[in-house]
Amino acid sequence: MTDDNRDPTPDAIRQAGQRSTADVAHLFDIAGREDEAIRLLDGCVAQLREVQQAKAALKTLPAADLRAALEFRRRALGDELA
């Protein structure tokens, strides 16, 4: 209880180092997702590397090749929308 006879807030209890069993169980749930988070992050990093490699490769292509590829993509998208 605080000095003004009200129950302490959950934040105040946590700051004092006291947590409910449910709070502790929730922390275990969060900590248990570490492997999944790392796996997802690895996938994102791999995808980012692939994107960066593609962008670097595009920078080396002649303008005519880029225009032809853009036209190809435009036609492909047009076919999908039709």
N, C-alpha and C. Protein backbone atom coordinates (compact mmCIF):
# COMPACT_ATOMS: atom_id res chain seq x y z
N MET A 1 0.83 -1.17 0.00
CA MET A 1 0.00 0.00 0.00
C MET A 1 0.88 1.25 0.00
N THR A 2 0.43 2.25 -0.69
CA THR A 2 1.16 3.51 -0.70
C THR A 2 0.76 4.35 0.50
N ASP A 3 1.44 5.48 0.66
CA ASP A 3 1.17 6.35 1.80
C ASP A 3 -0.26 6.87 1.80
N ASP A 4 -0.88 7.00 0.64
CA ASP A 4 -2.25 7.53 0.61
C ASP A 4 -3.29 6.41 0.64
N ASN A 5 -2.90 5.20 1.08
CA ASN A 5 -3.77 4.05 1.30
C ASN A 5 -4.40 3.47 0.03
N ARG A 6 -3.83 3.78 -1.12
CA ARG A 6 -4.30 3.15 -2.36
C ARG A 6 -3.37 1.99 -2.69
N ASP A 7 -3.92 1.00 -3.40
CA ASP A 7 -3.08 -0.10 -3.86
C ASP A 7 -2.07 0.43 -4.87
N PRO A 8 -0.84 -0.08 -4.82
CA PRO A 8 0.15 0.37 -5.79
C PRO A 8 -0.24 -0.07 -7.21
N THR A 9 0.17 0.72 -8.18
CA THR A 9 -0.12 0.39 -9.57
C THR A 9 0.74 -0.79 -10.00
N PRO A 10 0.33 -1.49 -11.06
CA PRO A 10 1.17 -2.59 -11.57
C PRO A 10 2.58 -2.12 -11.91
N ASP A 11 2.70 -0.92 -12.47
CA ASP A 11 4.03 -0.40 -12.80
C ASP A 11 4.87 -0.21 -11.54
N ALA A 12 4.24 0.30 -10.49
CA ALA A 12 4.97 0.52 -9.25
C ALA A 12 5.42 -0.81 -8.65
N ILE A 13 4.56 -1.82 -8.76
CA ILE A 13 4.95 -3.15 -8.25
C ILE A 13 6.12 -3.69 -9.05
N ARG A 14 6.07 -3.56 -10.38
CA ARG A 14 7.16 -4.05 -11.22
C ARG A 14 8.45 -3.31 -10.91
N GLN A 15 8.36 -2.01 -10.70
CA GLN A 15 9.55 -1.22 -10.40
C GLN A 15 10.14 -1.64 -9.06
N ALA A 16 9.32 -2.07 -8.15
CA ALA A 16 9.79 -2.51 -6.84
C ALA A 16 10.36 -3.92 -6.90
N GLY A 17 10.30 -4.56 -8.07
CA GLY A 17 10.86 -5.89 -8.23
C GLY A 17 9.87 -7.00 -7.92
N GLN A 18 8.62 -6.68 -7.69
CA GLN A 18 7.60 -7.67 -7.40
C GLN A 18 6.75 -7.87 -8.65
N ARG A 19 6.61 -9.11 -9.04
CA ARG A 19 5.80 -9.42 -10.22
C ARG A 19 4.84 -10.54 -9.86
N SER A 20 3.69 -10.49 -10.49
CA SER A 20 2.73 -11.57 -10.26
C SER A 20 3.21 -12.82 -10.99
N THR A 21 2.64 -13.94 -10.61
CA THR A 21 2.96 -15.20 -11.28
C THR A 21 2.62 -15.11 -12.76
N ALA A 22 1.51 -14.45 -13.08
CA ALA A 22 1.11 -14.28 -14.49
C ALA A 22 2.13 -13.43 -15.24
N ASP A 23 2.65 -12.38 -14.59
CA ASP A 23 3.67 -11.54 -15.22
C ASP A 23 4.92 -12.35 -15.50
N VAL A 24 5.34 -13.17 -14.55
CA VAL A 24 6.54 -13.99 -14.73
C VAL A 24 6.31 -15.02 -15.83
N ALA A 25 5.13 -15.63 -15.84
CA ALA A 25 4.81 -16.60 -16.89
C ALA A 25 4.84 -15.92 -18.26
N HIS A 26 4.34 -14.70 -18.33
CA HIS A 26 4.36 -13.95 -19.59
C HIS A 26 5.81 -13.68 -20.03
N LEU A 27 6.68 -13.37 -19.09
CA LEU A 27 8.09 -13.16 -19.42
C LEU A 27 8.71 -14.44 -20.00
N PHE A 28 8.35 -15.60 -19.44
CA PHE A 28 8.83 -16.86 -20.00
C PHE A 28 8.32 -17.06 -21.43
N ASP A 29 7.06 -16.68 -21.67
CA ASP A 29 6.51 -16.80 -23.03
C ASP A 29 7.31 -15.95 -24.00
N ILE A 30 7.61 -14.73 -23.60
CA ILE A 30 8.38 -13.83 -24.46
C ILE A 30 9.79 -14.37 -24.68
N ALA A 31 10.44 -14.77 -23.62
CA ALA A 31 11.81 -15.30 -23.73
C ALA A 31 11.84 -16.56 -24.59
N GLY A 32 10.78 -17.34 -24.56
CA GLY A 32 10.72 -18.57 -25.34
C GLY A 32 10.60 -18.34 -26.83
N ARG A 33 10.32 -17.12 -27.24
CA ARG A 33 10.19 -16.81 -28.67
C ARG A 33 11.52 -16.35 -29.29
N GLU A 34 12.59 -16.43 -28.52
CA GLU A 34 13.88 -15.94 -29.02
C GLU A 34 14.32 -16.66 -30.29
N ASP A 35 14.23 -17.98 -30.31
CA ASP A 35 14.66 -18.73 -31.50
C ASP A 35 13.85 -18.33 -32.73
N GLU A 36 12.55 -18.16 -32.55
CA GLU A 36 11.70 -17.74 -33.66
C GLU A 36 12.09 -16.34 -34.15
N ALA A 37 12.35 -15.45 -33.22
CA ALA A 37 12.74 -14.08 -33.58
C ALA A 37 14.06 -14.09 -34.35
N ILE A 38 15.01 -14.90 -33.91
CA ILE A 38 16.29 -14.98 -34.60
C ILE A 38 16.10 -15.55 -35.99
N ARG A 39 15.26 -16.59 -36.11
CA ARG A 39 15.00 -17.20 -37.43
C ARG A 39 14.37 -16.17 -38.38
N LEU A 40 13.40 -15.43 -37.87
CA LEU A 40 12.76 -14.41 -38.70
C LEU A 40 13.75 -13.31 -39.09
N LEU A 41 14.56 -12.90 -38.16
CA LEU A 41 15.55 -11.88 -38.44
C LEU A 41 16.57 -12.37 -39.48
N ASP A 42 17.00 -13.61 -39.35
CA ASP A 42 17.91 -14.18 -40.34
C ASP A 42 17.30 -14.16 -41.73
N GLY A 43 16.01 -14.49 -41.81
CA GLY A 43 15.31 -14.45 -43.10
C GLY A 43 15.24 -13.05 -43.65
N CYS A 44 14.98 -12.09 -42.80
CA CYS A 44 14.92 -10.69 -43.24
C CYS A 44 16.28 -10.20 -43.72
N VAL A 45 17.32 -10.58 -43.00
CA VAL A 45 18.67 -10.17 -43.40
C VAL A 45 19.04 -10.81 -44.73
N ALA A 46 18.70 -12.06 -44.92
CA ALA A 46 18.97 -12.73 -46.19
C ALA A 46 18.22 -12.05 -47.33
N GLN A 47 16.97 -11.70 -47.08
CA GLN A 47 16.17 -11.01 -48.10
C GLN A 47 16.76 -9.64 -48.41
N LEU A 48 17.20 -8.93 -47.39
CA LEU A 48 17.82 -7.62 -47.60
C LEU A 48 19.09 -7.75 -48.43
N ARG A 49 19.89 -8.75 -48.16
CA ARG A 49 21.11 -8.96 -48.95
C ARG A 49 20.77 -9.25 -50.41
N GLU A 50 19.73 -10.04 -50.62
CA GLU A 50 19.30 -10.35 -51.99
C GLU A 50 18.85 -9.08 -52.70
N VAL A 51 18.10 -8.23 -52.01
CA VAL A 51 17.64 -6.97 -52.58
C VAL A 51 18.83 -6.09 -52.94
N GLN A 52 19.78 -5.98 -52.03
CA GLN A 52 20.95 -5.14 -52.28
C GLN A 52 21.78 -5.66 -53.46
N GLN A 53 21.90 -6.98 -53.58
CA GLN A 53 22.62 -7.56 -54.72
C GLN A 53 21.89 -7.27 -56.03
N ALA A 54 20.57 -7.37 -56.01
CA ALA A 54 19.79 -7.09 -57.22
C ALA A 54 19.94 -5.63 -57.62
N LYS A 55 19.88 -4.74 -56.64
CA LYS A 55 20.04 -3.31 -56.95
C LYS A 55 21.43 -3.03 -57.51
N ALA A 56 22.44 -3.65 -56.95
CA ALA A 56 23.80 -3.45 -57.44
C ALA A 56 23.93 -3.98 -58.87
N ALA A 57 23.30 -5.11 -59.15
CA ALA A 57 23.35 -5.66 -60.51
C ALA A 57 22.61 -4.76 -61.49
N LEU A 58 21.48 -4.20 -61.09
CA LEU A 58 20.73 -3.30 -61.96
C LEU A 58 21.53 -2.06 -62.32
N LYS A 59 22.33 -1.58 -61.39
CA LYS A 59 23.14 -0.39 -61.64
C LYS A 59 24.18 -0.61 -62.74
N THR A 60 24.54 -1.85 -62.99
CA THR A 60 25.58 -2.14 -63.98
C THR A 60 25.02 -2.37 -65.38
N LEU A 61 23.69 -2.46 -65.50
CA LEU A 61 23.09 -2.79 -66.80
C LEU A 61 22.95 -1.55 -67.67
N PRO A 62 23.05 -1.76 -68.98
CA PRO A 62 22.85 -0.64 -69.90
C PRO A 62 21.38 -0.19 -69.89
N ALA A 63 21.17 1.07 -70.23
CA ALA A 63 19.83 1.66 -70.22
C ALA A 63 18.86 0.88 -71.11
N ALA A 64 19.32 0.41 -72.25
CA ALA A 64 18.44 -0.33 -73.17
C ALA A 64 17.90 -1.60 -72.50
N ASP A 65 18.75 -2.30 -71.77
CA ASP A 65 18.31 -3.51 -71.06
C ASP A 65 17.29 -3.16 -69.98
N LEU A 66 17.52 -2.07 -69.27
CA LEU A 66 16.60 -1.66 -68.23
C LEU A 66 15.24 -1.28 -68.82
N ARG A 67 15.24 -0.53 -69.91
CA ARG A 67 13.99 -0.15 -70.57
C ARG A 67 13.23 -1.39 -71.05
N ALA A 68 13.93 -2.34 -71.64
CA ALA A 68 13.29 -3.56 -72.13
C ALA A 68 12.68 -4.35 -70.98
N ALA A 69 13.39 -4.43 -69.87
CA ALA A 69 12.88 -5.17 -68.70
C ALA A 69 11.67 -4.46 -68.10
N LEU A 70 11.71 -3.14 -68.06
CA LEU A 70 10.56 -2.39 -67.54
C LEU A 70 9.33 -2.59 -68.42
N GLU A 71 9.53 -2.58 -69.72
CA GLU A 71 8.42 -2.81 -70.65
C GLU A 71 7.87 -4.23 -70.48
N PHE A 72 8.75 -5.19 -70.31
CA PHE A 72 8.35 -6.58 -70.08
C PHE A 72 7.49 -6.68 -68.82
N ARG A 73 7.95 -6.04 -67.75
CA ARG A 73 7.20 -6.07 -66.49
C ARG A 73 5.85 -5.36 -66.63
N ARG A 74 5.84 -4.24 -67.36
CA ARG A 74 4.58 -3.52 -67.57
C ARG A 74 3.57 -4.40 -68.28
N ARG A 75 4.03 -5.09 -69.33
CA ARG A 75 3.13 -5.99 -70.07
C ARG A 75 2.65 -7.13 -69.19
N ALA A 76 3.56 -7.68 -68.38
CA ALA A 76 3.18 -8.79 -67.51
C ALA A 76 2.14 -8.34 -66.48
N LEU A 77 2.33 -7.17 -65.93
CA LEU A 77 1.36 -6.63 -64.97
C LEU A 77 0.03 -6.33 -65.64
N GLY A 78 0.09 -5.84 -66.87
CA GLY A 78 -1.14 -5.56 -67.62
C GLY A 78 -1.92 -6.84 -67.87
N ASP A 79 -1.22 -7.92 -68.17
CA ASP A 79 -1.89 -9.21 -68.38
C ASP A 79 -2.54 -9.70 -67.09
N GLU A 80 -1.90 -9.47 -65.96
CA GLU A 80 -2.45 -9.91 -64.68
C GLU A 80 -3.70 -9.11 -64.32
N LEU A 81 -3.72 -7.84 -64.68
CA LEU A 81 -4.85 -7.00 -64.33
C LEU A 81 -6.05 -7.19 -65.25
N ALA A 82 -5.80 -7.72 -66.44
CA ALA A 82 -6.88 -7.89 -67.44
C ALA A 82 -7.74 -9.09 -67.14
